[in-house]
C-alpha cells in the first residue's frame, strides 16, 4: 500500500474512509475490502495523517469538503 504524505489518498484509504463514514466498523470494512482489521486501521491512520486531520471524523469532513466523498455516497438511516 502506498504511503501518502501530500494530502492525496490511495483508493484503499479513500474506500476505508467512505465505509467508515457509512458507519461500518473496522472489522466490517476489512471483510468488505478483503483485508485485515489491522490493515484497515493502518489505511485510516495513514489517510488521517496525510490529510492533516486530528481524527477519523475530521478526515471524513476534509474528504467531503474537498469533494473526495460525496454526501450522496453516505447512507442516512
N, C-alpha and C. Protein backbone atom coordinates (compact mmCIF):
# COMPACT_ATOMS: atom_id res chain seq x y z
N UNK A 1 0.85 -1.18 0.00
CA UNK A 1 0.00 0.00 0.00
C UNK A 1 0.89 1.24 0.00
N UNK A 2 0.64 2.18 -0.89
CA UNK A 2 1.47 3.37 -0.94
C UNK A 2 1.28 4.26 0.28
N UNK A 3 2.36 4.82 0.76
CA UNK A 3 2.26 5.78 1.85
C UNK A 3 2.09 7.16 1.22
N UNK A 4 1.16 7.91 1.75
CA UNK A 4 0.81 9.18 1.13
C UNK A 4 1.11 10.31 2.11
N UNK A 5 1.86 11.29 1.67
CA UNK A 5 2.23 12.39 2.56
C UNK A 5 1.82 13.76 2.03
N UNK A 6 1.22 13.81 0.87
CA UNK A 6 0.93 15.11 0.26
C UNK A 6 -0.56 15.43 0.21
N UNK A 7 -1.37 14.75 1.00
CA UNK A 7 -2.80 15.02 1.01
C UNK A 7 -3.58 14.23 -0.01
N UNK A 8 -2.89 13.45 -0.85
CA UNK A 8 -3.58 12.60 -1.81
C UNK A 8 -3.73 11.22 -1.20
N UNK A 9 -4.88 10.60 -1.40
CA UNK A 9 -5.17 9.31 -0.80
C UNK A 9 -5.15 8.20 -1.83
N UNK A 10 -4.75 7.01 -1.39
CA UNK A 10 -4.85 5.84 -2.26
C UNK A 10 -6.32 5.43 -2.34
N UNK A 11 -6.64 4.61 -3.31
CA UNK A 11 -8.01 4.11 -3.43
C UNK A 11 -8.44 3.36 -2.17
N UNK A 12 -7.51 2.56 -1.62
CA UNK A 12 -7.82 1.80 -0.42
C UNK A 12 -8.09 2.68 0.78
N UNK A 13 -7.32 3.74 0.92
CA UNK A 13 -7.53 4.68 2.02
C UNK A 13 -8.88 5.38 1.88
N UNK A 14 -9.18 5.83 0.68
CA UNK A 14 -10.45 6.51 0.45
C UNK A 14 -11.62 5.56 0.66
N UNK A 15 -11.50 4.32 0.20
CA UNK A 15 -12.57 3.34 0.40
C UNK A 15 -12.81 3.09 1.88
N UNK A 16 -11.73 2.98 2.65
CA UNK A 16 -11.87 2.76 4.09
C UNK A 16 -12.55 3.94 4.76
N UNK A 17 -12.21 5.16 4.37
CA UNK A 17 -12.86 6.33 4.94
C UNK A 17 -14.33 6.42 4.55
N UNK A 18 -14.64 6.09 3.30
CA UNK A 18 -16.03 6.11 2.86
C UNK A 18 -16.87 5.11 3.64
N UNK A 19 -16.35 3.91 3.83
CA UNK A 19 -17.09 2.90 4.59
C UNK A 19 -17.20 3.30 6.06
N UNK A 20 -16.18 3.95 6.59
CA UNK A 20 -16.25 4.48 7.95
C UNK A 20 -17.35 5.53 8.05
N UNK A 21 -17.43 6.40 7.05
CA UNK A 21 -18.47 7.43 7.02
C UNK A 21 -19.86 6.82 6.97
N UNK A 22 -19.95 5.61 6.45
CA UNK A 22 -21.23 4.91 6.38
C UNK A 22 -21.51 4.08 7.63
N UNK A 23 -20.69 4.23 8.66
CA UNK A 23 -20.96 3.61 9.94
C UNK A 23 -20.43 2.21 10.14
N UNK A 24 -19.65 1.69 9.19
CA UNK A 24 -19.12 0.34 9.35
C UNK A 24 -17.95 0.34 10.34
N UNK A 25 -17.81 -0.77 11.05
CA UNK A 25 -16.68 -0.95 11.96
C UNK A 25 -15.46 -1.36 11.15
N UNK A 26 -14.30 -1.30 11.77
CA UNK A 26 -13.08 -1.73 11.08
C UNK A 26 -13.18 -3.19 10.67
N UNK A 27 -13.78 -4.02 11.50
CA UNK A 27 -13.95 -5.44 11.17
C UNK A 27 -14.84 -5.60 9.93
N UNK A 28 -15.94 -4.85 9.88
CA UNK A 28 -16.85 -4.92 8.72
C UNK A 28 -16.17 -4.40 7.46
N UNK A 29 -15.40 -3.33 7.59
CA UNK A 29 -14.69 -2.77 6.45
C UNK A 29 -13.66 -3.77 5.93
N UNK A 30 -12.94 -4.40 6.84
CA UNK A 30 -11.95 -5.40 6.45
C UNK A 30 -12.60 -6.53 5.67
N UNK A 31 -13.75 -6.98 6.12
CA UNK A 31 -14.47 -8.04 5.41
C UNK A 31 -14.91 -7.57 4.03
N UNK A 32 -15.42 -6.36 3.96
CA UNK A 32 -15.89 -5.78 2.69
C UNK A 32 -14.75 -5.62 1.68
N UNK A 33 -13.58 -5.21 2.16
CA UNK A 33 -12.45 -4.93 1.27
C UNK A 33 -11.49 -6.11 1.13
N UNK A 34 -11.77 -7.18 1.85
CA UNK A 34 -10.94 -8.38 1.73
C UNK A 34 -9.55 -8.21 2.32
N UNK A 35 -9.46 -7.55 3.46
CA UNK A 35 -8.18 -7.35 4.12
C UNK A 35 -8.34 -7.59 5.61
N UNK A 36 -7.34 -7.24 6.38
CA UNK A 36 -7.40 -7.46 7.83
C UNK A 36 -7.86 -6.20 8.55
N UNK A 37 -8.32 -6.39 9.76
CA UNK A 37 -8.74 -5.26 10.58
C UNK A 37 -7.55 -4.33 10.86
N UNK A 38 -6.38 -4.90 11.10
CA UNK A 38 -5.20 -4.06 11.34
C UNK A 38 -4.81 -3.30 10.07
N UNK A 39 -5.05 -3.91 8.91
CA UNK A 39 -4.81 -3.22 7.64
C UNK A 39 -5.71 -2.01 7.48
N UNK A 40 -6.95 -2.15 7.92
CA UNK A 40 -7.90 -1.02 7.86
C UNK A 40 -7.45 0.09 8.80
N UNK A 41 -7.05 -0.28 10.02
CA UNK A 41 -6.54 0.73 10.96
C UNK A 41 -5.36 1.48 10.34
N UNK A 42 -4.47 0.75 9.69
CA UNK A 42 -3.30 1.38 9.06
C UNK A 42 -3.74 2.33 7.94
N UNK A 43 -4.65 1.88 7.08
CA UNK A 43 -5.12 2.74 5.98
C UNK A 43 -5.73 4.03 6.51
N UNK A 44 -6.61 3.88 7.50
CA UNK A 44 -7.30 5.06 8.03
C UNK A 44 -6.32 5.99 8.74
N UNK A 45 -5.40 5.42 9.50
CA UNK A 45 -4.41 6.26 10.19
C UNK A 45 -3.51 6.99 9.21
N UNK A 46 -3.08 6.31 8.15
CA UNK A 46 -2.25 6.96 7.13
C UNK A 46 -3.03 8.06 6.41
N UNK A 47 -4.30 7.79 6.11
CA UNK A 47 -5.13 8.80 5.44
C UNK A 47 -5.34 10.01 6.34
N UNK A 48 -5.61 9.75 7.61
CA UNK A 48 -5.81 10.84 8.57
C UNK A 48 -4.55 11.71 8.64
N UNK A 49 -3.40 11.07 8.70
CA UNK A 49 -2.13 11.80 8.74
C UNK A 49 -1.91 12.59 7.44
N UNK A 50 -2.15 11.95 6.31
CA UNK A 50 -1.93 12.59 5.01
C UNK A 50 -2.79 13.83 4.84
N UNK A 51 -3.99 13.78 5.39
CA UNK A 51 -4.92 14.91 5.27
C UNK A 51 -4.66 15.99 6.31
N UNK A 52 -3.81 15.70 7.28
CA UNK A 52 -3.57 16.65 8.37
C UNK A 52 -4.73 16.72 9.34
N UNK A 53 -5.51 15.65 9.39
CA UNK A 53 -6.70 15.61 10.24
C UNK A 53 -6.33 15.21 11.66
N UNK A 54 -7.20 15.56 12.61
CA UNK A 54 -6.97 15.23 14.01
C UNK A 54 -7.67 13.96 14.45
N UNK A 55 -8.59 13.46 13.62
CA UNK A 55 -9.34 12.25 13.96
C UNK A 55 -9.94 11.67 12.69
N UNK A 56 -10.53 10.48 12.81
CA UNK A 56 -11.23 9.88 11.67
C UNK A 56 -12.37 10.78 11.21
N UNK A 57 -13.10 11.31 12.17
CA UNK A 57 -14.23 12.19 11.84
C UNK A 57 -13.75 13.41 11.08
N UNK A 58 -12.65 13.99 11.54
CA UNK A 58 -12.09 15.16 10.87
C UNK A 58 -11.62 14.80 9.46
N UNK A 59 -11.01 13.61 9.31
CA UNK A 59 -10.56 13.15 7.99
C UNK A 59 -11.74 13.03 7.03
N UNK A 60 -12.85 12.48 7.51
CA UNK A 60 -14.04 12.35 6.66
C UNK A 60 -14.58 13.72 6.29
N UNK A 61 -14.60 14.64 7.25
CA UNK A 61 -15.08 16.00 6.96
C UNK A 61 -14.20 16.67 5.91
N UNK A 62 -12.89 16.48 6.00
CA UNK A 62 -11.98 17.04 5.00
C UNK A 62 -12.26 16.44 3.63
N UNK A 63 -12.47 15.13 3.58
CA UNK A 63 -12.78 14.46 2.30
C UNK A 63 -14.06 15.01 1.68
N UNK A 64 -15.06 15.24 2.51
CA UNK A 64 -16.32 15.80 2.00
C UNK A 64 -16.08 17.23 1.49
N UNK A 65 -15.36 18.02 2.27
CA UNK A 65 -15.09 19.41 1.87
C UNK A 65 -14.29 19.49 0.57
N UNK A 66 -13.40 18.52 0.35
CA UNK A 66 -12.58 18.50 -0.88
C UNK A 66 -13.26 17.78 -2.04
N UNK A 67 -14.45 17.26 -1.81
CA UNK A 67 -15.18 16.56 -2.87
C UNK A 67 -14.69 15.15 -3.12
N UNK A 68 -13.91 14.59 -2.20
CA UNK A 68 -13.43 13.21 -2.35
C UNK A 68 -14.50 12.20 -1.96
N UNK A 69 -15.36 12.60 -1.05
CA UNK A 69 -16.52 11.80 -0.66
C UNK A 69 -17.75 12.67 -0.88
N UNK A 70 -18.69 12.16 -1.64
CA UNK A 70 -19.94 12.89 -1.89
C UNK A 70 -20.93 12.58 -0.77
N UNK A 71 -21.65 13.59 -0.34
CA UNK A 71 -22.66 13.39 0.69
C UNK A 71 -23.66 12.32 0.25
N UNK A 72 -23.95 12.26 -1.04
CA UNK A 72 -24.89 11.26 -1.56
C UNK A 72 -24.37 9.83 -1.41
N UNK A 73 -23.07 9.66 -1.18
CA UNK A 73 -22.49 8.33 -1.00
C UNK A 73 -22.57 7.85 0.44
N UNK A 74 -23.10 8.69 1.32
CA UNK A 74 -23.24 8.33 2.72
C UNK A 74 -24.69 7.96 2.99
N UNK A 75 -24.88 6.74 3.49
CA UNK A 75 -26.23 6.24 3.77
C UNK A 75 -26.77 6.94 5.02
N UNK A 76 -27.93 7.54 4.88
CA UNK A 76 -28.59 8.21 6.00
C UNK A 76 -29.75 7.32 6.44
N UNK A 77 -29.71 6.87 7.71
CA UNK A 77 -30.80 5.97 8.16
C UNK A 77 -32.14 6.68 8.25
